[in-house]
Protein backbone atom coordinates (compact mmCIF):
# COMPACT_ATOMS: atom_id res chain seq x y z
CA LYS A 1 57.83 178.47 -26.20
CA VAL A 2 56.80 175.65 -23.84
CA ASN A 3 58.91 177.15 -21.02
CA ASP A 4 57.34 180.62 -21.52
CA ALA A 5 53.86 179.06 -21.33
CA ARG A 6 54.75 177.10 -18.20
CA LYS A 7 56.06 180.33 -16.49
CA LYS A 8 52.77 182.14 -17.27
CA ALA A 9 50.79 179.09 -15.98
CA MET A 10 52.52 179.67 -12.64
CA ALA A 11 50.65 182.93 -12.32
CA ASP A 12 47.40 180.75 -12.79
CA LYS A 13 48.59 178.59 -9.78
CA VAL A 14 48.97 181.75 -7.61
CA ALA A 15 45.54 183.07 -8.71
CA GLY A 16 44.00 179.73 -7.90
CA ALA A 17 45.52 179.58 -4.47
CA VAL A 18 44.24 183.04 -3.60
CA ASP A 19 40.75 183.50 -5.17
CA GLY A 20 40.76 182.49 -8.70
CA GLU A 21 41.10 184.65 -11.95
CA ASP A 22 40.88 188.14 -10.41
CA LEU A 23 43.66 189.37 -8.19
CA ALA A 24 42.44 193.04 -8.06
CA GLY A 25 43.05 194.46 -4.62
CA LYS A 26 45.29 191.57 -3.58
CA THR A 27 48.96 191.92 -2.58
CA ILE A 28 51.30 189.15 -3.61
CA GLY A 29 54.77 188.73 -1.99
CA VAL A 30 57.47 187.35 -4.24
CA LEU A 31 60.63 185.64 -2.80
CA GLY A 32 63.35 185.25 -5.35
CA LEU A 33 63.59 187.05 -8.65
CA THR A 34 66.76 185.67 -10.24
CA PHE A 35 67.12 182.80 -12.71
CA LYS A 36 68.74 180.69 -10.03
CA PRO A 37 70.07 181.13 -6.49
CA ASN A 38 73.51 182.49 -5.68
CA THR A 39 73.65 184.90 -8.68
CA ASP A 40 72.18 188.14 -9.73
CA ASP A 41 71.44 186.83 -13.29
CA MET A 42 67.97 187.86 -14.39
CA ARG A 43 68.25 186.39 -17.85
CA ASP A 44 65.36 184.02 -18.53
CA ALA A 45 64.25 184.41 -14.91
CA PRO A 46 60.78 183.09 -14.36
CA SER A 47 59.88 186.25 -12.45
CA LEU A 48 60.05 188.25 -15.65
CA ASP A 49 56.91 186.39 -16.80
CA ILE A 50 55.18 185.55 -13.52
CA VAL A 51 55.28 189.00 -11.97
CA PRO A 52 53.73 190.94 -14.98
CA ALA A 53 51.10 188.10 -15.30
CA LEU A 54 50.15 188.71 -11.67
CA GLN A 55 50.07 192.37 -12.22
CA ALA A 56 47.87 192.00 -15.32
CA ARG A 57 45.33 190.21 -13.09
CA GLY A 58 45.25 193.28 -10.81
CA ALA A 59 47.78 192.23 -8.09
CA ARG A 60 50.04 194.57 -6.29
CA VAL A 61 53.45 192.87 -6.06
CA GLN A 62 56.24 193.30 -3.40
CA ALA A 63 59.44 191.36 -3.71
CA PHE A 64 62.82 190.51 -2.39
CA ASP A 65 65.77 188.76 -3.75
CA PRO A 66 69.10 188.50 -1.95
CA ALA A 67 71.32 189.38 -5.00
CA GLY A 68 69.06 190.34 -7.90
CA MET A 69 67.21 193.38 -6.70
CA HIS A 70 69.42 195.95 -8.63
CA GLU A 71 68.96 194.12 -11.87
CA ALA A 72 65.29 193.33 -11.24
CA GLN A 73 64.51 197.01 -10.63
CA HIS A 74 65.41 197.66 -14.23
CA MET A 75 63.37 194.90 -15.68
CA LEU A 76 60.20 194.70 -13.57
CA LYS A 77 57.83 197.82 -13.34
CA ASP A 78 55.59 198.74 -10.52
CA VAL A 79 57.02 196.35 -8.04
CA GLU A 80 57.65 197.46 -4.42
CA PHE A 81 61.07 196.04 -3.55
CA LYS A 82 61.59 195.18 0.13
CA SER A 83 64.63 194.79 2.35
CA ASP A 84 63.95 191.10 3.48
CA PRO A 85 61.57 188.24 3.27
CA TYR A 86 59.63 189.37 6.35
CA ALA A 87 59.07 192.83 4.92
CA VAL A 88 57.73 191.14 1.75
CA ALA A 89 55.38 188.92 3.79
CA GLU A 90 53.84 191.90 5.56
CA GLY A 91 50.25 192.51 4.39
CA THR A 92 50.22 189.97 1.66
CA ASP A 93 47.29 187.73 0.61
CA ALA A 94 49.79 185.16 -0.68
CA LEU A 95 53.54 184.53 -0.61
CA LEU A 96 55.20 183.09 -3.71
CA ILE A 97 58.59 181.40 -3.75
CA ILE A 98 60.12 181.60 -7.26
CA THR A 99 63.88 181.07 -6.56
CA GLU A 100 65.12 178.57 -4.10
CA TRP A 101 67.60 180.64 -2.16
CA ASP A 102 68.81 178.86 1.07
CA GLN A 103 67.67 181.66 3.29
CA PHE A 104 64.04 181.04 2.20
CA ARG A 105 64.37 177.46 3.32
CA ALA A 106 65.07 178.78 6.82
CA LEU A 107 62.19 181.25 7.24
CA ASP A 108 60.37 181.49 10.53
CA LEU A 109 57.02 180.44 9.08
CA ASP A 110 55.16 181.28 12.29
CA ARG A 111 56.46 184.84 12.02
CA ILE A 112 55.59 184.85 8.27
CA LYS A 113 52.03 183.79 8.95
CA LEU A 114 51.51 186.53 11.62
CA LEU A 115 52.64 189.17 9.08
CA MET A 116 50.40 188.16 6.16
CA ASN A 117 46.71 189.07 5.64
CA ARG A 118 46.08 185.43 4.62
CA PRO A 119 48.35 182.50 5.22
CA VAL A 120 48.75 181.28 1.65
CA LEU A 121 52.08 179.96 0.46
CA VAL A 122 52.72 179.00 -3.16
CA ASP A 123 56.06 177.20 -3.41
CA LEU A 124 57.16 176.96 -7.02
CA ARG A 125 60.44 175.20 -5.96
CA ASN A 126 59.05 172.64 -3.47
CA ILE A 127 61.51 173.75 -0.77
CA TYR A 128 59.10 172.99 2.05
CA ARG A 129 57.39 169.81 3.09
CA PRO A 130 53.61 170.12 2.61
CA ASP A 131 52.77 168.54 5.91
CA ASP A 132 55.02 170.93 7.80
CA VAL A 133 53.52 174.07 6.16
CA LYS A 134 49.94 172.94 6.38
CA GLY A 135 50.43 171.95 9.96
CA ARG A 136 51.36 175.57 10.69
CA GLY A 137 48.05 176.67 9.29
CA PHE A 138 49.00 177.66 5.76
CA ALA A 139 47.11 177.02 2.62
CA TYR A 140 50.00 175.49 0.72
CA THR A 141 50.33 174.97 -3.06
CA SER A 142 53.44 173.37 -4.67
CA ILE A 143 54.35 171.98 -7.99
CA GLY A 144 53.57 168.32 -8.95
CA ARG A 145 52.58 167.23 -5.38
CA GLY A 146 49.95 167.90 -2.80
């Protein structure tokens, strides 16, 4: 129960990073859908709670996962699945990292920023150093740190 509430609270964190409660008309990019990296396992994946919570607030969601897209398509409705992280970033008001795949650690953040409507990065796995991301002009939100 506590874990489920925590997952739903992550949607609050995304909404707060963008504009608050209402995400109507906003596009949120989601990187990582599986329970953990290097698997296609969707059982108990945080994305199964976070994505519908974002959609319930009016957000349009586009997503990418290196291995879990096929499974995710059966479990997540009204999500636009993209071919890579850069396609996910295009036109977004915020980019959300849910699963810490290694390829997400090596993103070209300058390219990501140019693709986004707004440079907002919500890192639920703390894979980036806040000073690095903020220094590139992003509004950066992570878990349990600045």
